[in-house]
C-alpha atoms as a PDB file:
ATOM      1  CA  UNK A   1     -43.995 -58.737  11.196  1.00  0.00           C
ATOM      2  CA  UNK A   2     -40.761 -60.693  10.851  1.00  0.00           C
ATOM      3  CA  UNK A   3     -40.158 -64.230  12.059  1.00  0.00           C
ATOM      4  CA  UNK A   4     -36.601 -65.382  12.705  1.00  0.00           C
ATOM      5  CA  UNK A   5     -35.535 -69.008  13.104  1.00  0.00           C
ATOM      6  CA  UNK A   6     -32.025 -69.996  14.164  1.00  0.00           C
ATOM      7  CA  UNK A   7     -30.380 -73.315  13.408  1.00  0.00           C
ATOM      8  CA  UNK A   8     -26.955 -74.934  13.462  1.00  0.00           C
ATOM      9  CA  UNK A   9     -26.059 -74.874  17.126  1.00  0.00           C
ATOM     10  CA  UNK A  10     -24.768 -77.745  19.208  1.00  0.00           C
ATOM     11  CA  UNK A  11     -21.831 -79.099  21.145  1.00  0.00           C
ATOM     12  CA  UNK A  12     -18.319 -78.607  19.827  1.00  0.00           C
ATOM     13  CA  UNK A  13     -14.840 -79.086  21.241  1.00  0.00           C
ATOM     14  CA  UNK A  14     -12.545 -76.115  21.858  1.00  0.00           C
ATOM     15  CA  UNK A  15     -10.904 -75.087  18.619  1.00  0.00           C
ATOM     16  CA  UNK A  16     -13.814 -76.379  16.578  1.00  0.00           C
ATOM     17  CA  UNK A  17     -16.249 -74.637  14.258  1.00  0.00           C
ATOM     18  CA  UNK A  18     -19.976 -74.204  13.841  1.00  0.00           C
ATOM     19  CA  UNK A  19     -22.121 -72.318  11.375  1.00  0.00           C
ATOM     20  CA  UNK A  20     -25.329 -70.775  12.588  1.00  0.00           C
ATOM     21  CA  UNK A  21     -28.154 -69.815  10.252  1.00  0.00           C
ATOM     22  CA  UNK A  22     -30.927 -67.298  10.781  1.00  0.00           C
ATOM     23  CA  UNK A  23     -33.817 -67.707   8.371  1.00  0.00           C
ATOM     24  CA  UNK A  24     -36.220 -64.790   8.164  1.00  0.00           C
ATOM     25  CA  UNK A  25     -39.714 -64.376   6.799  1.00  0.00           C
ATOM     26  CA  UNK A  26     -40.876 -61.356   4.859  1.00  0.00           C
ATOM     27  CA  UNK A  27     -40.273 -59.684   1.548  1.00  0.00           C
ATOM     28  CA  UNK A  28     -38.119 -56.851   2.879  1.00  0.00           C
ATOM     29  CA  UNK A  29     -35.317 -59.020   4.200  1.00  0.00           C
ATOM     30  CA  UNK A  30     -32.703 -57.569   1.881  1.00  0.00           C
ATOM     31  CA  UNK A  31     -32.884 -54.127   3.493  1.00  0.00           C
ATOM     32  CA  UNK A  32     -32.902 -55.300   7.086  1.00  0.00           C
ATOM     33  CA  UNK A  33     -30.056 -55.033   9.529  1.00  0.00           C
ATOM     34  CA  UNK A  34     -29.648 -58.457  11.142  1.00  0.00           C
ATOM     35  CA  UNK A  35     -27.713 -58.969  14.343  1.00  0.00           C
ATOM     36  CA  UNK A  36     -26.425 -62.050  16.116  1.00  0.00           C
ATOM     37  CA  UNK A  37     -26.446 -61.825  19.917  1.00  0.00           C
ATOM     38  CA  UNK A  38     -25.493 -64.290  22.604  1.00  0.00           C
ATOM     39  CA  UNK A  39     -26.268 -64.746  26.251  1.00  0.00           C
ATOM     40  CA  UNK A  40     -24.058 -66.777  28.536  1.00  0.00           C
ATOM     41  CA  UNK A  41     -25.394 -68.135  31.837  1.00  0.00           C
ATOM     42  CA  UNK A  42     -25.589 -65.350  34.394  1.00  0.00           C
ATOM     43  CA  UNK A  43     -24.577 -62.676  31.905  1.00  0.00           C
ATOM     44  CA  UNK A  44     -26.352 -60.046  29.872  1.00  0.00           C
ATOM     45  CA  UNK A  45     -27.156 -60.564  26.237  1.00  0.00           C
ATOM     46  CA  UNK A  46     -24.422 -59.080  24.050  1.00  0.00           C
ATOM     47  CA  UNK A  47     -23.995 -58.256  20.393  1.00  0.00           C
ATOM     48  CA  UNK A  48     -21.721 -60.652  18.557  1.00  0.00           C
ATOM     49  CA  UNK A  49     -21.948 -59.308  15.005  1.00  0.00           C
ATOM     50  CA  UNK A  50     -24.364 -57.531  12.724  1.00  0.00           C
ATOM     51  CA  UNK A  51     -24.775 -56.844   9.041  1.00  0.00           C
ATOM     52  CA  UNK A  52     -26.820 -54.103   7.386  1.00  0.00           C
ATOM     53  CA  UNK A  53     -28.851 -54.363   4.228  1.00  0.00           C
ATOM     54  CA  UNK A  54     -26.001 -52.622   2.443  1.00  0.00           C
ATOM     55  CA  UNK A  55     -23.490 -55.168   3.706  1.00  0.00           C
ATOM     56  CA  UNK A  56     -21.818 -53.089   6.416  1.00  0.00           C
ATOM     57  CA  UNK A  57     -20.488 -55.434   9.096  1.00  0.00           C
ATOM     58  CA  UNK A  58     -19.628 -54.977  12.730  1.00  0.00           C
ATOM     59  CA  UNK A  59     -18.047 -57.480  15.150  1.00  0.00           C
ATOM     60  CA  UNK A  60     -17.591 -57.567  18.881  1.00  0.00           C
ATOM     61  CA  UNK A  61     -13.921 -57.409  19.826  1.00  0.00           C
ATOM     62  CA  UNK A  62     -14.122 -60.866  21.416  1.00  0.00           C
ATOM     63  CA  UNK A  63     -14.938 -62.546  18.099  1.00  0.00           C
ATOM     64  CA  UNK A  64     -12.972 -60.498  15.566  1.00  0.00           C
ATOM     65  CA  UNK A  65     -10.839 -62.713  13.386  1.00  0.00           C
ATOM     66  CA  UNK A  66     -12.725 -65.854  14.419  1.00  0.00           C
ATOM     67  CA  UNK A  67     -16.354 -65.246  13.409  1.00  0.00           C
ATOM     68  CA  UNK A  68     -17.713 -64.225  10.027  1.00  0.00           C
ATOM     69  CA  UNK A  69     -21.208 -62.921   9.391  1.00  0.00           C
ATOM     70  CA  UNK A  70     -22.705 -63.060   5.926  1.00  0.00           C
ATOM     71  CA  UNK A  71     -26.081 -62.944   4.250  1.00  0.00           C
ATOM     72  CA  UNK A  72     -27.817 -64.550   1.293  1.00  0.00           C
ATOM     73  CA  UNK A  73     -30.747 -62.345   0.351  1.00  0.00           C
ATOM     74  CA  UNK A  74     -32.040 -64.898  -2.165  1.00  0.00           C
ATOM     75  CA  UNK A  75     -32.526 -67.303   0.741  1.00  0.00           C
ATOM     76  CA  UNK A  76     -33.580 -64.700   3.345  1.00  0.00           C
ATOM     77  CA  UNK A  77     -30.809 -66.043   5.538  1.00  0.00           C
ATOM     78  CA  UNK A  78     -27.944 -64.645   7.585  1.00  0.00           C
ATOM     79  CA  UNK A  79     -25.076 -66.901   8.612  1.00  0.00           C
ATOM     80  CA  UNK A  80     -22.574 -66.776  11.427  1.00  0.00           C
ATOM     81  CA  UNK A  81     -19.479 -68.868  10.764  1.00  0.00           C
ATOM     82  CA  UNK A  82     -17.714 -69.456  14.063  1.00  0.00           C
ATOM     83  CA  UNK A  83     -14.151 -70.770  14.059  1.00  0.00           C
ATOM     84  CA  UNK A  84     -11.584 -71.347  16.794  1.00  0.00           C
ATOM     85  CA  UNK A  85     -14.341 -71.659  19.338  1.00  0.00           C
ATOM     86  CA  UNK A  86     -13.484 -71.537  23.015  1.00  0.00           C
ATOM     87  CA  UNK A  87     -15.533 -72.184  26.172  1.00  0.00           C
ATOM     88  CA  UNK A  88     -16.197 -68.448  26.568  1.00  0.00           C
ATOM     89  CA  UNK A  89     -18.272 -68.637  23.369  1.00  0.00           C
ATOM     90  CA  UNK A  90     -20.787 -70.892  25.105  1.00  0.00           C
ATOM     91  CA  UNK A  91     -24.277 -69.489  25.333  1.00  0.00           C
ATOM     92  CA  UNK A  92     -27.622 -69.110  23.660  1.00  0.00           C
ATOM     93  CA  UNK A  93     -27.312 -67.349  20.327  1.00  0.00           C
ATOM     94  CA  UNK A  94     -30.136 -65.207  19.004  1.00  0.00           C
ATOM     95  CA  UNK A  95     -30.730 -63.347  15.786  1.00  0.00           C
ATOM     96  CA  UNK A  96     -32.526 -60.049  15.817  1.00  0.00           C
ATOM     97  CA  UNK A  97     -33.941 -57.317  13.648  1.00  0.00           C
ATOM     98  CA  UNK A  98     -35.755 -54.303  15.126  1.00  0.00           C
ATOM     99  CA  UNK A  99     -38.018 -55.654  17.883  1.00  0.00           C
ATOM    100  CA  UNK A 100     -38.029 -59.194  16.533  1.00  0.00           C
ATOM    101  CA  UNK A 101     -35.994 -62.015  18.059  1.00  0.00           C
ATOM    102  CA  UNK A 102     -35.554 -65.636  17.191  1.00  0.00           C
ATOM    103  CA  UNK A 103     -36.126 -68.335  19.771  1.00  0.00           C
ATOM    104  CA  UNK A 104     -32.407 -68.773  20.344  1.00  0.00           C
ATOM    105  CA  UNK A 105     -30.132 -71.743  19.856  1.00  0.00           C
ATOM    106  CA  UNK A 106     -27.642 -73.292  22.240  1.00  0.00           C
ATOM    107  CA  UNK A 107     -23.922 -73.341  21.481  1.00  0.00           C
ATOM    108  CA  UNK A 108     -21.753 -75.269  23.915  1.00  0.00           C
ATOM    109  CA  UNK A 109     -17.978 -75.361  23.623  1.00  0.00           C
ATOM    110  CA  UNK A 110     -16.565 -78.037  25.862  1.00  0.00           C
ATOM    111  CA  UNK A 111     -14.165 -80.949  25.857  1.00  0.00           C
END
């Protein structure tokens, strides 16, 4: 079983930045694919970015060039650096591996 805990969300003005963290339990973290997803009000959950155990990275078109996903296997943590945020980035952000999901964390981009 894997437990995932997100942190780092909050309220930010348009154009601002936030860094989300996803801390995972378990000794096999380094081989896990970890994905960041988000769900805006009234919309389906969507993939934002993911990173494999081997470091292969994938981004949604909407965040390319603005978001950066990275991992620190020594800390069992995956990060999502979000720059140039806009109101369309508002939503609950979740991290995921296999069937396991974190509790989600709110990101609100508003002036």
